[in-house]
Amino acid sequence: MSRITLTKTIVNKAAHIAFLTTGPGKAHALKEVLKGAYNPDLYPSQEIKPVSGDLHWFVDEAAAALLK
């Protein structure tokens, strides 16, 4: 089986990065990633910080329920 691995270094050099997060089961994790303490061992998405590109989060109401 072939695969491609994209490391955070490569992803952070992308022009556009998007996360898609849906459902009530993701509400706590989304809140921690966006508003909580920096803990990339638990939430690797916190290490995604584009060098010069755009970062977009696409979330539904259920996933965003704990955000204020």
C-alpha atoms as a PDB file:
ATOM      1  CA  MET A   1       0.000   0.000   0.000  1.00  0.00           C
ATOM      2  CA  SER A   2       1.337   3.434  -0.941  1.00  0.00           C
ATOM      3  CA  ARG A   3       0.910   6.487   1.202  1.00  0.00           C
ATOM      4  CA  ILE A   4       2.073  10.064   1.566  1.00  0.00           C
ATOM      5  CA  THR A   5       2.929  11.515   4.957  1.00  0.00           C
ATOM      6  CA  LEU A   6       2.531  15.250   5.418  1.00  0.00           C
ATOM      7  CA  THR A   7       4.456  16.571   8.390  1.00  0.00           C
ATOM      8  CA  LYS A   8       3.544  19.736  10.271  1.00  0.00           C
ATOM      9  CA  THR A   9       6.522  21.449   8.614  1.00  0.00           C
ATOM     10  CA  ILE A  10       5.109  20.774   5.150  1.00  0.00           C
ATOM     11  CA  VAL A  11       1.502  21.518   6.119  1.00  0.00           C
ATOM     12  CA  ASN A  12       2.512  24.849   7.663  1.00  0.00           C
ATOM     13  CA  LYS A  13       4.043  25.893   4.320  1.00  0.00           C
ATOM     14  CA  ALA A  14       0.751  25.372   2.458  1.00  0.00           C
ATOM     15  CA  ALA A  15      -1.076  28.348   0.996  1.00  0.00           C
ATOM     16  CA  HIS A  16      -4.420  27.174   2.359  1.00  0.00           C
ATOM     17  CA  ILE A  17      -5.140  24.830   5.264  1.00  0.00           C
ATOM     18  CA  ALA A  18      -8.624  23.729   6.301  1.00  0.00           C
ATOM     19  CA  PHE A  19      -9.988  21.734   9.197  1.00  0.00           C
ATOM     20  CA  LEU A  20     -13.494  20.268   9.073  1.00  0.00           C
ATOM     21  CA  THR A  21     -14.984  19.490  12.471  1.00  0.00           C
ATOM     22  CA  THR A  22     -18.529  18.237  12.979  1.00  0.00           C
ATOM     23  CA  GLY A  23     -20.751  16.791  15.651  1.00  0.00           C
ATOM     24  CA  PRO A  24     -21.236  17.128  19.389  1.00  0.00           C
ATOM     25  CA  GLY A  25     -18.496  14.598  20.076  1.00  0.00           C
ATOM     26  CA  LYS A  26     -15.912  17.110  18.855  1.00  0.00           C
ATOM     27  CA  ALA A  27     -17.131  20.101  20.895  1.00  0.00           C
ATOM     28  CA  HIS A  28     -14.771  19.615  23.833  1.00  0.00           C
ATOM     29  CA  ALA A  29     -11.719  18.942  21.677  1.00  0.00           C
ATOM     30  CA  LEU A  30     -12.447  21.934  19.442  1.00  0.00           C
ATOM     31  CA  LYS A  31     -12.729  24.200  22.477  1.00  0.00           C
ATOM     32  CA  GLU A  32      -9.428  22.901  23.858  1.00  0.00           C
ATOM     33  CA  VAL A  33      -7.645  23.273  20.518  1.00  0.00           C
ATOM     34  CA  LEU A  34      -8.819  26.834  19.956  1.00  0.00           C
ATOM     35  CA  LYS A  35      -9.118  28.234  23.492  1.00  0.00           C
ATOM     36  CA  GLY A  36      -7.313  25.827  25.823  1.00  0.00           C
ATOM     37  CA  ALA A  37      -3.711  25.473  26.925  1.00  0.00           C
ATOM     38  CA  TYR A  38      -1.123  24.551  24.329  1.00  0.00           C
ATOM     39  CA  ASN A  39      -0.899  20.758  24.433  1.00  0.00           C
ATOM     40  CA  PRO A  40       0.191  19.426  21.023  1.00  0.00           C
ATOM     41  CA  ASP A  41       0.791  15.930  22.389  1.00  0.00           C
ATOM     42  CA  LEU A  42      -2.950  15.669  23.008  1.00  0.00           C
ATOM     43  CA  TYR A  43      -4.085  18.041  20.220  1.00  0.00           C
ATOM     44  CA  PRO A  44      -1.589  17.890  17.313  1.00  0.00           C
ATOM     45  CA  SER A  45      -3.703  20.353  15.314  1.00  0.00           C
ATOM     46  CA  GLN A  46      -2.398  23.087  17.641  1.00  0.00           C
ATOM     47  CA  GLU A  47       0.919  22.799  15.819  1.00  0.00           C
ATOM     48  CA  ILE A  48      -0.626  23.878  12.547  1.00  0.00           C
ATOM     49  CA  LYS A  49       0.321  27.539  12.182  1.00  0.00           C
ATOM     50  CA  PRO A  50       0.766  28.555   8.555  1.00  0.00           C
ATOM     51  CA  VAL A  51       3.955  30.469   7.774  1.00  0.00           C
ATOM     52  CA  SER A  52       2.289  32.687   5.189  1.00  0.00           C
ATOM     53  CA  GLY A  53      -0.913  30.878   4.240  1.00  0.00           C
ATOM     54  CA  ASP A  54      -4.500  30.879   5.443  1.00  0.00           C
ATOM     55  CA  LEU A  55      -5.943  28.614   8.133  1.00  0.00           C
ATOM     56  CA  HIS A  56      -9.693  27.992   8.070  1.00  0.00           C
ATOM     57  CA  TRP A  57     -11.891  26.048  10.468  1.00  0.00           C
ATOM     58  CA  PHE A  58     -15.193  24.768   9.128  1.00  0.00           C
ATOM     59  CA  VAL A  59     -17.387  23.661  12.025  1.00  0.00           C
ATOM     60  CA  ASP A  60     -21.056  22.931  12.502  1.00  0.00           C
ATOM     61  CA  GLU A  61     -23.168  24.269  15.385  1.00  0.00           C
ATOM     62  CA  ALA A  62     -22.829  21.074  17.374  1.00  0.00           C
ATOM     63  CA  ALA A  63     -19.013  21.124  17.254  1.00  0.00           C
ATOM     64  CA  ALA A  64     -18.938  24.852  18.102  1.00  0.00           C
ATOM     65  CA  ALA A  65     -21.437  24.539  20.972  1.00  0.00           C
ATOM     66  CA  LEU A  66     -18.828  25.136  23.712  1.00  0.00           C
ATOM     67  CA  LEU A  67     -17.200  28.134  22.028  1.00  0.00           C
ATOM     68  CA  LYS A  68     -18.205  31.595  23.146  1.00  0.00           C
END
